[in-house]
Amino acid sequence: MHEVSLTKIVQENWNSGKITETGETSPPAQPNRKDSLTIVEPGKIKRGKGGTLASRIALLHSLANIEQWAIDLSWDVIARFSTFRLSNGEPLPRQFFDDFVKVAGDEAKSATDTSHDLLARLAIVHMVHEARGLDVHPQTLSRFAAQGDTSSVKVLEVIYADEITHVAAGLRWFTYICSKEGRDSLKTFHELVKLHFKGFLKPPFNTEGRKTAGMTEEWYVPLVKPSSLQKTS
């Protein structure tokens, strides 16, 4: 995936200080795609039951496409909102761009690390990274609300609702495949996260948001560093 290699290069240059500015050029409405690419409308995609190799390959392909868009959108938010100002005229701090460069890098790394394994892709991308998006939502929302930026708050609420469905979909199909293959879904999830995710999951967690997506504490609390649990208890 071309986006993955480019993301790694830009992330390294940003983190090393070779790139220090985001620029002010507006990105195109749609990301660049090869002319040979065939785009199929969602309603016309063939849907298998997930029990055959072909249907699992198709699902993995769909997830890879989602990952590609996730990488694109991470860079898009950096480029499109590089000149964004809060209602008081204050620009976004560098930490905002640091965070989204990291998001793009994480998405690219996940796309590479889990390209061979559907369960790993579902676990890391949708049940770890996107679930983390639920965790940071309340704090992000409060920042914009404190500035009286109601339009951005509305957008964030829509994104949050979408994120819940993304986590729910990842969890649903993860448990479905584990059930079909006679695996313990919790044990498998914990093993895959320890294998493919660097470090521990970090609290605080948005327990209500995760619960709405079907992800109860038994999924993620065992993956937290014990000392972190003691601090939050």
C-alpha atoms as a PDB file:
ATOM      1  CA  MET A   1       0.000   0.000   0.000  1.00  0.00           C
ATOM      2  CA  HIS A   2       1.558   3.267  -1.187  1.00  0.00           C
ATOM      3  CA  GLU A   3      -0.009   5.247   1.679  1.00  0.00           C
ATOM      4  CA  VAL A   4       1.800   3.087   4.232  1.00  0.00           C
ATOM      5  CA  SER A   5       5.290   3.731   2.847  1.00  0.00           C
ATOM      6  CA  LEU A   6       4.649   7.466   2.438  1.00  0.00           C
ATOM      7  CA  THR A   7       3.231   7.689   5.951  1.00  0.00           C
ATOM      8  CA  LYS A   8       6.338   6.111   7.444  1.00  0.00           C
ATOM      9  CA  ILE A   9       8.581   8.587   5.601  1.00  0.00           C
ATOM     10  CA  VAL A  10       6.584  11.670   6.612  1.00  0.00           C
ATOM     11  CA  GLN A  11       6.191  10.507  10.210  1.00  0.00           C
ATOM     12  CA  GLU A  12       9.951   9.984  10.546  1.00  0.00           C
ATOM     13  CA  ASN A  13      10.660  13.421   9.069  1.00  0.00           C
ATOM     14  CA  TRP A  14       8.083  15.107  11.322  1.00  0.00           C
ATOM     15  CA  ASN A  15       9.338  13.417  14.482  1.00  0.00           C
ATOM     16  CA  SER A  16      12.985  14.153  13.642  1.00  0.00           C
ATOM     17  CA  GLY A  17      12.265  17.818  12.958  1.00  0.00           C
ATOM     18  CA  LYS A  18      13.039  17.695   9.230  1.00  0.00           C
ATOM     19  CA  ILE A  19       9.434  18.758   8.672  1.00  0.00           C
ATOM     20  CA  THR A  20       8.309  21.558  11.006  1.00  0.00           C
ATOM     21  CA  GLU A  21       5.395  23.224   9.198  1.00  0.00           C
ATOM     22  CA  THR A  22       2.045  21.875   8.010  1.00  0.00           C
ATOM     23  CA  GLY A  23       1.617  24.394   5.211  1.00  0.00           C
ATOM     24  CA  GLU A  24      -1.581  26.097   4.067  1.00  0.00           C
ATOM     25  CA  THR A  25      -2.419  24.336   0.800  1.00  0.00           C
ATOM     26  CA  SER A  26      -5.917  22.836   0.798  1.00  0.00           C
ATOM     27  CA  PRO A  27      -6.041  19.109   0.010  1.00  0.00           C
ATOM     28  CA  PRO A  28      -8.256  17.763  -2.810  1.00  0.00           C
ATOM     29  CA  ALA A  29     -11.830  16.742  -2.038  1.00  0.00           C
ATOM     30  CA  GLN A  30     -10.912  13.105  -2.691  1.00  0.00           C
ATOM     31  CA  PRO A  31      -7.560  11.358  -2.123  1.00  0.00           C
ATOM     32  CA  ASN A  32      -5.575  10.325  -5.175  1.00  0.00           C
ATOM     33  CA  ARG A  33      -6.284   6.822  -6.463  1.00  0.00           C
ATOM     34  CA  LYS A  34      -4.910   4.848  -9.389  1.00  0.00           C
ATOM     35  CA  ASP A  35      -6.898   5.140 -12.625  1.00  0.00           C
ATOM     36  CA  SER A  36      -7.063   1.355 -12.788  1.00  0.00           C
ATOM     37  CA  LEU A  37      -8.942   1.187  -9.477  1.00  0.00           C
ATOM     38  CA  THR A  38     -12.491  -0.139  -9.704  1.00  0.00           C
ATOM     39  CA  ILE A  39     -14.829   1.411  -7.142  1.00  0.00           C
ATOM     40  CA  VAL A  40     -17.854  -0.644  -6.131  1.00  0.00           C
ATOM     41  CA  GLU A  41     -20.809   0.937  -4.332  1.00  0.00           C
ATOM     42  CA  PRO A  42     -21.389  -0.520  -0.827  1.00  0.00           C
ATOM     43  CA  GLY A  43     -24.809  -1.925  -1.705  1.00  0.00           C
ATOM     44  CA  LYS A  44     -23.396  -3.837  -4.672  1.00  0.00           C
ATOM     45  CA  ILE A  45     -20.592  -5.601  -2.814  1.00  0.00           C
ATOM     46  CA  LYS A  46     -21.048  -9.350  -2.620  1.00  0.00           C
ATOM     47  CA  ARG A  47     -21.521 -10.414   0.986  1.00  0.00           C
ATOM     48  CA  GLY A  48     -20.512 -13.892   2.091  1.00  0.00           C
ATOM     49  CA  LYS A  49     -21.423 -15.543   5.360  1.00  0.00           C
ATOM     50  CA  GLY A  50     -17.824 -15.500   6.566  1.00  0.00           C
ATOM     51  CA  GLY A  51     -17.482 -19.253   6.649  1.00  0.00           C
ATOM     52  CA  THR A  52     -15.393 -19.735   3.517  1.00  0.00           C
ATOM     53  CA  LEU A  53     -11.835 -18.729   2.717  1.00  0.00           C
ATOM     54  CA  ALA A  54     -13.069 -16.565  -0.155  1.00  0.00           C
ATOM     55  CA  SER A  55     -15.474 -14.613   2.051  1.00  0.00           C
ATOM     56  CA  ARG A  56     -12.799 -14.109   4.692  1.00  0.00           C
ATOM     57  CA  ILE A  57     -10.385 -12.817   2.046  1.00  0.00           C
ATOM     58  CA  ALA A  58     -13.119 -10.451   0.851  1.00  0.00           C
ATOM     59  CA  LEU A  59     -13.678  -9.212   4.394  1.00  0.00           C
ATOM     60  CA  LEU A  60      -9.946  -8.707   4.915  1.00  0.00           C
ATOM     61  CA  HIS A  61      -9.821  -6.759   1.652  1.00  0.00           C
ATOM     62  CA  SER A  62     -12.671  -4.556   2.878  1.00  0.00           C
ATOM     63  CA  LEU A  63     -10.863  -3.930   6.154  1.00  0.00           C
ATOM     64  CA  ALA A  64      -7.687  -3.033   4.277  1.00  0.00           C
ATOM     65  CA  ASN A  65      -9.726  -0.502   2.317  1.00  0.00           C
ATOM     66  CA  ILE A  66     -11.062   0.926   5.579  1.00  0.00           C
ATOM     67  CA  GLU A  67      -7.504   1.149   6.851  1.00  0.00           C
ATOM     68  CA  GLN A  68      -6.446   2.996   3.712  1.00  0.00           C
ATOM     69  CA  TRP A  69      -9.187   5.553   4.251  1.00  0.00           C
ATOM     70  CA  ALA A  70      -8.235   5.868   7.927  1.00  0.00           C
ATOM     71  CA  ILE A  71      -4.681   6.762   6.910  1.00  0.00           C
ATOM     72  CA  ASP A  72      -5.958   9.230   4.310  1.00  0.00           C
ATOM     73  CA  LEU A  73      -8.301  10.901   6.801  1.00  0.00           C
ATOM     74  CA  SER A  74      -5.564  11.258   9.406  1.00  0.00           C
ATOM     75  CA  TRP A  75      -3.434  13.219   6.948  1.00  0.00           C
ATOM     76  CA  ASP A  76      -6.482  15.069   5.653  1.00  0.00           C
ATOM     77  CA  VAL A  77      -7.335  16.476   9.090  1.00  0.00           C
ATOM     78  CA  ILE A  78      -3.749  17.768   9.356  1.00  0.00           C
ATOM     79  CA  ALA A  79      -3.750  19.383   5.916  1.00  0.00           C
ATOM     80  CA  ARG A  80      -7.345  20.616   5.821  1.00  0.00           C
ATOM     81  CA  PHE A  81      -7.318  22.184   9.275  1.00  0.00           C
ATOM     82  CA  SER A  82      -3.728  23.438   9.418  1.00  0.00           C
ATOM     83  CA  THR A  83      -4.987  27.038   9.637  1.00  0.00           C
ATOM     84  CA  PHE A  84      -7.921  26.297  11.961  1.00  0.00           C
ATOM     85  CA  ARG A  85      -8.524  28.854  14.693  1.00  0.00           C
ATOM     86  CA  LEU A  86     -10.616  28.508  17.836  1.00  0.00           C
ATOM     87  CA  SER A  87     -13.349  31.063  18.428  1.00  0.00           C
ATOM     88  CA  ASN A  88     -10.876  33.202  20.400  1.00  0.00           C
ATOM     89  CA  GLY A  89      -8.456  33.225  17.461  1.00  0.00           C
ATOM     90  CA  GLU A  90      -6.043  30.778  19.046  1.00  0.00           C
ATOM     91  CA  PRO A  91      -4.371  28.312  16.626  1.00  0.00           C
ATOM     92  CA  LEU A  92      -4.166  24.614  17.284  1.00  0.00           C
ATOM     93  CA  PRO A  93      -1.076  23.646  19.302  1.00  0.00           C
ATOM     94  CA  ARG A  94       1.641  21.500  17.764  1.00  0.00           C
ATOM     95  CA  GLN A  95       0.492  18.627  19.977  1.00  0.00           C
ATOM     96  CA  PHE A  96      -2.667  18.395  17.841  1.00  0.00           C
ATOM     97  CA  PHE A  97      -0.577  17.700  14.753  1.00  0.00           C
ATOM     98  CA  ASP A  98       1.787  15.436  16.702  1.00  0.00           C
ATOM     99  CA  ASP A  99      -1.194  13.339  17.741  1.00  0.00           C
ATOM    100  CA  PHE A 100      -2.615  12.957  14.244  1.00  0.00           C
ATOM    101  CA  VAL A 101       0.772  12.201  12.709  1.00  0.00           C
ATOM    102  CA  LYS A 102       0.973   9.427  15.298  1.00  0.00           C
ATOM    103  CA  VAL A 103      -2.557   8.277  14.431  1.00  0.00           C
ATOM    104  CA  ALA A 104      -1.590   8.023  10.759  1.00  0.00           C
ATOM    105  CA  GLY A 105       1.564   6.135  11.725  1.00  0.00           C
ATOM    106  CA  ASP A 106      -0.363   3.759  13.975  1.00  0.00           C
ATOM    107  CA  GLU A 107      -2.905   3.070  11.241  1.00  0.00           C
ATOM    108  CA  ALA A 108      -0.129   2.403   8.714  1.00  0.00           C
ATOM    109  CA  LYS A 109       1.705   0.096  11.113  1.00  0.00           C
ATOM    110  CA  SER A 110      -1.489  -1.791  11.902  1.00  0.00           C
ATOM    111  CA  ALA A 111      -2.194  -2.215   8.204  1.00  0.00           C
ATOM    112  CA  THR A 112       1.235  -3.792   7.763  1.00  0.00           C
ATOM    113  CA  ASP A 113       1.401  -5.868  10.943  1.00  0.00           C
ATOM    114  CA  THR A 114      -2.058  -7.392  10.589  1.00  0.00           C
ATOM    115  CA  SER A 115      -2.247  -7.783   6.811  1.00  0.00           C
ATOM    116  CA  HIS A 116      -1.822 -11.555   7.136  1.00  0.00           C
ATOM    117  CA  ASP A 117      -4.373 -12.182   9.881  1.00  0.00           C
ATOM    118  CA  LEU A 118      -8.045 -11.194   9.896  1.00  0.00           C
ATOM    119  CA  LEU A 119      -8.481 -11.704  13.639  1.00  0.00           C
ATOM    120  CA  ALA A 120      -5.405  -9.586  14.334  1.00  0.00           C
ATOM    121  CA  ARG A 121      -6.746  -6.833  12.078  1.00  0.00           C
ATOM    122  CA  LEU A 122     -10.116  -6.809  13.841  1.00  0.00           C
ATOM    123  CA  ALA A 123      -8.474  -6.879  17.268  1.00  0.00           C
ATOM    124  CA  ILE A 124      -5.854  -4.169  16.792  1.00  0.00           C
ATOM    125  CA  VAL A 125      -7.575  -1.750  14.425  1.00  0.00           C
ATOM    126  CA  HIS A 126     -11.163  -1.876  15.610  1.00  0.00           C
ATOM    127  CA  MET A 127     -11.030  -3.191  19.177  1.00  0.00           C
ATOM    128  CA  VAL A 128      -7.904  -1.334  20.313  1.00  0.00           C
ATOM    129  CA  HIS A 129      -7.294   1.777  18.198  1.00  0.00           C
ATOM    130  CA  GLU A 130     -10.911   2.692  17.476  1.00  0.00           C
ATOM    131  CA  ALA A 131     -11.917   1.861  21.041  1.00  0.00           C
ATOM    132  CA  ARG A 132      -9.227   4.296  22.144  1.00  0.00           C
ATOM    133  CA  GLY A 133     -11.028   6.886  20.054  1.00  0.00           C
ATOM    134  CA  LEU A 134     -14.043   6.392  22.311  1.00  0.00           C
ATOM    135  CA  ASP A 135     -11.862   6.974  25.372  1.00  0.00           C
ATOM    136  CA  VAL A 136     -10.522  10.356  24.255  1.00  0.00           C
ATOM    137  CA  HIS A 137     -13.887  11.635  23.008  1.00  0.00           C
ATOM    138  CA  PRO A 138     -15.157  13.169  26.292  1.00  0.00           C
ATOM    139  CA  GLN A 139     -11.997  15.222  26.801  1.00  0.00           C
ATOM    140  CA  THR A 140     -11.882  16.339  23.170  1.00  0.00           C
ATOM    141  CA  LEU A 141     -15.552  17.302  23.270  1.00  0.00           C
ATOM    142  CA  SER A 142     -15.141  19.336  26.454  1.00  0.00           C
ATOM    143  CA  ARG A 143     -12.271  21.317  24.926  1.00  0.00           C
ATOM    144  CA  PHE A 144     -14.363  22.442  21.970  1.00  0.00           C
ATOM    145  CA  ALA A 145     -17.448  23.002  24.129  1.00  0.00           C
ATOM    146  CA  ALA A 146     -15.433  25.208  26.486  1.00  0.00           C
ATOM    147  CA  GLN A 147     -14.563  27.409  23.499  1.00  0.00           C
ATOM    148  CA  GLY A 148     -18.211  27.648  22.504  1.00  0.00           C
ATOM    149  CA  ASP A 149     -17.506  25.850  19.221  1.00  0.00           C
ATOM    150  CA  THR A 150     -20.937  24.242  18.864  1.00  0.00           C
ATOM    151  CA  SER A 151     -20.506  23.335  15.194  1.00  0.00           C
ATOM    152  CA  SER A 152     -17.398  21.268  15.928  1.00  0.00           C
ATOM    153  CA  VAL A 153     -19.138  19.681  18.919  1.00  0.00           C
ATOM    154  CA  LYS A 154     -21.934  18.485  16.626  1.00  0.00           C
ATOM    155  CA  VAL A 155     -19.414  17.004  14.195  1.00  0.00           C
ATOM    156  CA  LEU A 156     -17.581  15.249  17.030  1.00  0.00           C
ATOM    157  CA  GLU A 157     -20.843  13.744  18.255  1.00  0.00           C
ATOM    158  CA  VAL A 158     -21.492  12.274  14.805  1.00  0.00           C
ATOM    159  CA  ILE A 159     -17.955  10.884  14.641  1.00  0.00           C
ATOM    160  CA  TYR A 160     -18.366   9.410  18.121  1.00  0.00           C
ATOM    161  CA  ALA A 161     -21.567   7.613  17.131  1.00  0.00           C
ATOM    162  CA  ASP A 162     -19.784   6.220  14.069  1.00  0.00           C
ATOM    163  CA  GLU A 163     -16.819   5.070  16.162  1.00  0.00           C
ATOM    164  CA  ILE A 164     -19.143   3.089  18.419  1.00  0.00           C
ATOM    165  CA  THR A 165     -20.518   1.211  15.401  1.00  0.00           C
ATOM    166  CA  HIS A 166     -16.961   0.558  14.167  1.00  0.00           C
ATOM    167  CA  VAL A 167     -15.904  -0.959  17.493  1.00  0.00           C
ATOM    168  CA  ALA A 168     -19.135  -2.951  17.636  1.00  0.00           C
ATOM    169  CA  ALA A 169     -18.563  -4.326  14.129  1.00  0.00           C
ATOM    170  CA  GLY A 170     -15.003  -5.347  14.951  1.00  0.00           C
ATOM    171  CA  LEU A 171     -16.127  -7.066  18.141  1.00  0.00           C
ATOM    172  CA  ARG A 172     -19.077  -8.770  16.461  1.00  0.00           C
ATOM    173  CA  TRP A 173     -17.015 -10.326  13.679  1.00  0.00           C
ATOM    174  CA  PHE A 174     -14.111 -11.145  15.965  1.00  0.00           C
ATOM    175  CA  THR A 175     -16.365 -13.174  18.250  1.00  0.00           C
ATOM    176  CA  TYR A 176     -18.159 -14.678  15.235  1.00  0.00           C
ATOM    177  CA  ILE A 177     -14.935 -16.047  13.742  1.00  0.00           C
ATOM    178  CA  CYS A 178     -13.689 -17.266  17.122  1.00  0.00           C
ATOM    179  CA  SER A 179     -16.982 -19.069  17.681  1.00  0.00           C
ATOM    180  CA  LYS A 180     -16.871 -20.703  14.245  1.00  0.00           C
ATOM    181  CA  GLU A 181     -13.291 -21.838  14.811  1.00  0.00           C
ATOM    182  CA  GLY A 182     -13.830 -23.047  18.370  1.00  0.00           C
ATOM    183  CA  ARG A 183     -11.590 -20.413  19.937  1.00  0.00           C
ATOM    184  CA  ASP A 184     -11.995 -18.637  23.253  1.00  0.00           C
ATOM    185  CA  SER A 185     -12.638 -15.081  22.041  1.00  0.00           C
ATOM    186  CA  LEU A 186     -11.350 -13.305  25.158  1.00  0.00           C
ATOM    187  CA  LYS A 187      -8.185 -15.375  25.379  1.00  0.00           C
ATOM    188  CA  THR A 188      -7.534 -14.987  21.641  1.00  0.00           C
ATOM    189  CA  PHE A 189      -8.038 -11.216  21.817  1.00  0.00           C
ATOM    190  CA  HIS A 190      -5.629 -10.835  24.726  1.00  0.00           C
ATOM    191  CA  GLU A 191      -3.012 -12.984  22.989  1.00  0.00           C
ATOM    192  CA  LEU A 192      -3.250 -11.017  19.733  1.00  0.00           C
ATOM    193  CA  VAL A 193      -3.031  -7.642  21.468  1.00  0.00           C
ATOM    194  CA  LYS A 194       0.056  -8.724  23.403  1.00  0.00           C
ATOM    195  CA  LEU A 195       1.593  -9.966  20.150  1.00  0.00           C
ATOM    196  CA  HIS A 196       0.802  -7.016  17.879  1.00  0.00           C
ATOM    197  CA  PHE A 197       0.323  -4.006  20.178  1.00  0.00           C
ATOM    198  CA  LYS A 198       3.312  -2.350  21.815  1.00  0.00           C
ATOM    199  CA  GLY A 199       2.874  -1.756  25.537  1.00  0.00           C
ATOM    200  CA  PHE A 200      -0.248  -1.752  27.693  1.00  0.00           C
ATOM    201  CA  LEU A 201      -3.683  -0.243  27.179  1.00  0.00           C
ATOM    202  CA  LYS A 202      -3.886   3.043  29.052  1.00  0.00           C
ATOM    203  CA  PRO A 203      -6.757   4.255  31.227  1.00  0.00           C
ATOM    204  CA  PRO A 204      -8.928   6.194  31.732  1.00  0.00           C
ATOM    205  CA  PHE A 205     -11.466   4.304  29.652  1.00  0.00           C
ATOM    206  CA  ASN A 206     -14.832   5.468  28.408  1.00  0.00           C
ATOM    207  CA  THR A 207     -16.593   2.498  29.975  1.00  0.00           C
ATOM    208  CA  GLU A 208     -20.058   3.633  28.884  1.00  0.00           C
ATOM    209  CA  GLY A 209     -19.034   4.163  25.273  1.00  0.00           C
ATOM    210  CA  ARG A 210     -17.224   0.831  25.157  1.00  0.00           C
ATOM    211  CA  LYS A 211     -20.191  -0.904  26.783  1.00  0.00           C
ATOM    212  CA  THR A 212     -22.527   0.580  24.178  1.00  0.00           C
ATOM    213  CA  ALA A 213     -20.294  -1.027  21.535  1.00  0.00           C
ATOM    214  CA  GLY A 214     -20.540  -4.338  23.401  1.00  0.00           C
ATOM    215  CA  MET A 215     -17.039  -4.187  24.846  1.00  0.00           C
ATOM    216  CA  THR A 216     -17.243  -4.882  28.565  1.00  0.00           C
ATOM    217  CA  GLU A 217     -14.329  -4.461  30.964  1.00  0.00           C
ATOM    218  CA  GLU A 218     -13.253  -8.101  30.745  1.00  0.00           C
ATOM    219  CA  TRP A 219     -11.979  -7.357  27.231  1.00  0.00           C
ATOM    220  CA  TYR A 220      -9.567  -4.559  28.072  1.00  0.00           C
ATOM    221  CA  VAL A 221      -8.876  -4.309  31.814  1.00  0.00           C
ATOM    222  CA  PRO A 222      -6.589  -7.409  31.787  1.00  0.00           C
ATOM    223  CA  LEU A 223      -4.407  -5.579  29.236  1.00  0.00           C
ATOM    224  CA  VAL A 224      -3.752  -2.600  31.516  1.00  0.00           C
ATOM    225  CA  LYS A 225      -0.485  -2.210  33.411  1.00  0.00           C
ATOM    226  CA  PRO A 226      -1.209  -3.244  37.043  1.00  0.00           C
ATOM    227  CA  SER A 227       0.270  -0.032  38.461  1.00  0.00           C
ATOM    228  CA  SER A 228      -2.087   2.014  36.260  1.00  0.00           C
ATOM    229  CA  LEU A 229      -5.078   0.156  37.674  1.00  0.00           C
ATOM    230  CA  GLN A 230      -3.951   0.950  41.212  1.00  0.00           C
ATOM    231  CA  LYS A 231      -3.786   4.667  40.392  1.00  0.00           C
ATOM    232  CA  THR A 232      -7.339   4.714  39.013  1.00  0.00           C
ATOM    233  CA  SER A 233      -8.854   2.603  41.800  1.00  0.00           C
END
